[in-house]
């Protein structure tokens, strides 16, 4: 609906096939009624704010292709972000934020930050990647439990401590 009806009192008519919205006895919107799974929704593009309409040109495959060009860790983070929400489009803003981080810091630093974040958790967020880049932690080497420098690999069970932890 248009912004002029926000916070206005409206009347709603629900039939077996249609949902209609009226303001001062004038129909301002009509939608086909959805049946099926709970929480299902339908959005009319014209009813979306302009800032949300710009996201319609984006899709998960476009973000995945972009991340694949940067590196394996970035691709893994993007896949995790895209699957973190019930509706994929709700994750596009975080994905766009990661793209902007590549412009601000460089693709190499973004890949290093994603690699480092994946050592802590299997599903890092935009915020955690940004924090690693802001603090420069992407530039510090990762050490294994013996203290020797290692190239970190993503740990699918990031909270698993390993055998050395239990020898204390």
Protein backbone atom coordinates (compact mmCIF):
# COMPACT_ATOMS: atom_id res chain seq x y z
CA UNK A 1 0.00 0.00 0.00
CA UNK A 2 1.05 3.55 -0.46
CA UNK A 3 2.59 5.52 2.40
CA UNK A 4 -0.44 7.81 2.67
CA UNK A 5 -2.42 5.03 4.38
CA UNK A 6 0.12 4.21 7.09
CA UNK A 7 -1.43 4.53 10.57
CA UNK A 8 -4.87 5.16 9.05
CA UNK A 9 -7.92 3.18 10.10
CA UNK A 10 -8.93 0.85 7.27
CA UNK A 11 -11.63 -1.74 6.75
CA UNK A 12 -10.74 -5.24 5.60
CA UNK A 13 -13.08 -7.62 3.79
CA UNK A 14 -12.05 -11.26 3.69
CA UNK A 15 -13.80 -13.75 1.41
CA UNK A 16 -12.91 -17.31 0.49
CA UNK A 17 -10.75 -16.11 -2.42
CA UNK A 18 -9.92 -12.43 -1.83
CA UNK A 19 -8.71 -9.97 0.79
CA UNK A 20 -9.71 -6.36 0.14
CA UNK A 21 -8.65 -3.22 2.01
CA UNK A 22 -10.85 -0.11 2.07
CA UNK A 23 -10.18 3.43 3.20
CA UNK A 24 -13.23 5.69 3.53
CA UNK A 25 -15.29 3.09 1.64
CA UNK A 26 -12.86 3.17 -1.31
CA UNK A 27 -10.96 -0.01 -2.12
CA UNK A 28 -7.23 0.72 -1.99
CA UNK A 29 -5.89 -2.82 -2.33
CA UNK A 30 -7.03 -6.29 -3.29
CA UNK A 31 -5.09 -9.53 -2.95
CA UNK A 32 -5.78 -13.13 -3.79
CA UNK A 33 -6.19 -15.10 -0.58
CA UNK A 34 -3.46 -17.67 -0.06
CA UNK A 35 -4.04 -21.15 1.28
CA UNK A 36 -1.31 -23.64 2.06
CA UNK A 37 1.49 -23.47 4.55
CA UNK A 38 1.31 -21.21 7.59
CA UNK A 39 3.22 -17.94 7.22
CA UNK A 40 2.95 -17.92 3.43
CA UNK A 41 2.92 -14.44 1.92
CA UNK A 42 2.54 -12.63 -1.36
CA UNK A 43 3.95 -9.20 -2.12
CA UNK A 44 2.77 -6.75 -4.78
CA UNK A 45 5.86 -4.96 -6.05
CA UNK A 46 4.09 -1.61 -6.33
CA UNK A 47 3.21 -1.77 -2.63
CA UNK A 48 6.83 -2.10 -1.58
CA UNK A 49 8.86 0.97 -0.58
CA UNK A 50 11.26 2.11 -3.30
CA UNK A 51 14.23 1.16 -1.11
CA UNK A 52 12.96 -2.45 -1.02
CA UNK A 53 12.16 -2.61 -4.72
CA UNK A 54 15.84 -2.18 -5.58
CA UNK A 55 16.55 -5.57 -3.99
CA UNK A 56 14.34 -7.30 -6.55
CA UNK A 57 17.17 -7.21 -9.09
CA UNK A 58 19.31 -9.30 -6.73
CA UNK A 59 19.07 -13.03 -6.22
CA UNK A 60 20.97 -15.72 -4.36
CA UNK A 61 22.74 -17.02 -7.46
CA UNK A 62 24.15 -13.59 -8.20
CA UNK A 63 25.61 -13.33 -4.68
CA UNK A 64 26.99 -16.89 -4.89
CA UNK A 65 28.74 -16.18 -8.22
CA UNK A 66 30.24 -13.01 -6.81
CA UNK A 67 31.48 -14.82 -3.69
CA UNK A 68 32.89 -17.70 -5.76
CA UNK A 69 35.11 -15.21 -7.63
CA UNK A 70 36.57 -13.99 -4.32
CA UNK A 71 37.27 -17.32 -2.71
CA UNK A 72 36.08 -20.49 -1.02
CA UNK A 73 35.66 -18.98 2.44
CA UNK A 74 33.67 -15.99 1.18
CA UNK A 75 31.47 -18.35 -0.80
CA UNK A 76 30.86 -20.45 2.32
CA UNK A 77 29.94 -17.35 4.34
CA UNK A 78 27.55 -16.09 1.63
CA UNK A 79 25.88 -19.52 1.43
CA UNK A 80 25.47 -19.47 5.20
CA UNK A 81 23.96 -15.99 5.19
CA UNK A 82 21.59 -16.84 2.33
CA UNK A 83 20.27 -19.88 4.17
CA UNK A 84 20.11 -18.20 7.59
CA UNK A 85 16.69 -16.62 7.04
CA UNK A 86 13.39 -18.30 6.35
CA UNK A 87 12.96 -16.08 3.29
CA UNK A 88 16.18 -15.76 1.27
CA UNK A 89 15.49 -12.16 0.24
CA UNK A 90 15.74 -11.12 3.90
CA UNK A 91 19.45 -11.96 3.79
CA UNK A 92 20.27 -9.87 0.71
CA UNK A 93 21.11 -6.79 2.75
CA UNK A 94 23.84 -8.66 4.63
CA UNK A 95 25.18 -10.03 1.35
CA UNK A 96 25.26 -6.53 -0.14
CA UNK A 97 27.10 -5.37 2.97
CA UNK A 98 29.77 -8.03 2.41
CA UNK A 99 30.16 -6.85 -1.18
CA UNK A 100 30.76 -3.33 0.08
CA UNK A 101 33.38 -4.62 2.54
CA UNK A 102 35.31 -6.00 -0.44
CA UNK A 103 35.29 -2.53 -1.99
CA UNK A 104 36.34 -0.86 1.27
CA UNK A 105 39.07 -3.28 2.40
CA UNK A 106 39.95 -5.47 -0.65
CA UNK A 107 38.87 -8.89 -1.79
CA UNK A 108 41.99 -10.50 -0.28
CA UNK A 109 41.27 -9.10 3.18
CA UNK A 110 37.61 -10.08 2.92
CA UNK A 111 38.57 -13.66 2.05
CA UNK A 112 41.02 -13.73 4.98
CA UNK A 113 38.37 -12.38 7.36
CA UNK A 114 35.86 -14.98 6.17
CA UNK A 115 38.45 -17.73 6.61
CA UNK A 116 39.22 -16.53 10.13
CA UNK A 117 35.52 -16.22 11.07
CA UNK A 118 34.88 -19.77 9.86
CA UNK A 119 37.41 -21.03 12.42
CA UNK A 120 35.16 -19.65 15.18
CA UNK A 121 31.72 -20.58 13.85
CA UNK A 122 30.23 -22.50 10.95
CA UNK A 123 27.88 -19.62 10.13
CA UNK A 124 29.52 -16.20 10.53
CA UNK A 125 27.43 -13.06 10.15
CA UNK A 126 28.11 -9.85 8.27
CA UNK A 127 28.72 -8.17 11.63
CA UNK A 128 31.40 -10.67 12.68
CA UNK A 129 33.24 -10.32 9.35
CA UNK A 130 33.08 -6.52 9.56
CA UNK A 131 34.43 -6.63 13.12
CA UNK A 132 37.39 -8.78 12.03
CA UNK A 133 38.19 -6.31 9.24
CA UNK A 134 37.71 -3.21 11.44
CA UNK A 135 40.09 -4.55 14.09
CA UNK A 136 42.62 -5.88 11.56
CA UNK A 137 42.34 -9.43 12.91
CA UNK A 138 42.31 -10.74 9.35
CA UNK A 139 46.01 -9.84 9.17
CA UNK A 140 47.06 -11.86 12.22
CA UNK A 141 48.03 -15.50 11.74
CA UNK A 142 45.92 -18.24 13.23
CA UNK A 143 47.68 -20.60 15.64
CA UNK A 144 46.73 -24.18 16.41
CA UNK A 145 46.59 -25.62 19.96
CA UNK A 146 50.33 -26.47 19.97
CA UNK A 147 51.24 -22.85 19.30
CA UNK A 148 52.56 -23.43 15.80
CA UNK A 149 51.35 -21.24 12.99
CA UNK A 150 48.75 -22.94 10.83
CA UNK A 151 46.63 -22.08 7.89
CA UNK A 152 43.15 -22.23 9.28
CA UNK A 153 40.56 -24.41 7.66
CA UNK A 154 36.87 -24.04 8.35
CA UNK A 155 35.75 -26.20 11.25
CA UNK A 156 32.25 -27.60 10.84
CA UNK A 157 32.17 -28.13 14.60
CA UNK A 158 33.70 -24.83 15.70
CA UNK A 159 32.95 -25.37 19.37
CA UNK A 160 34.72 -28.75 19.49
CA UNK A 161 37.86 -28.28 21.58
CA UNK A 162 39.99 -31.19 20.47
CA UNK A 163 41.97 -33.79 22.41
CA UNK A 164 44.60 -31.37 23.83
CA UNK A 165 41.94 -29.51 25.79
CA UNK A 166 40.97 -32.59 27.79
CA UNK A 167 44.59 -33.56 28.77
CA UNK A 168 44.77 -30.84 31.42
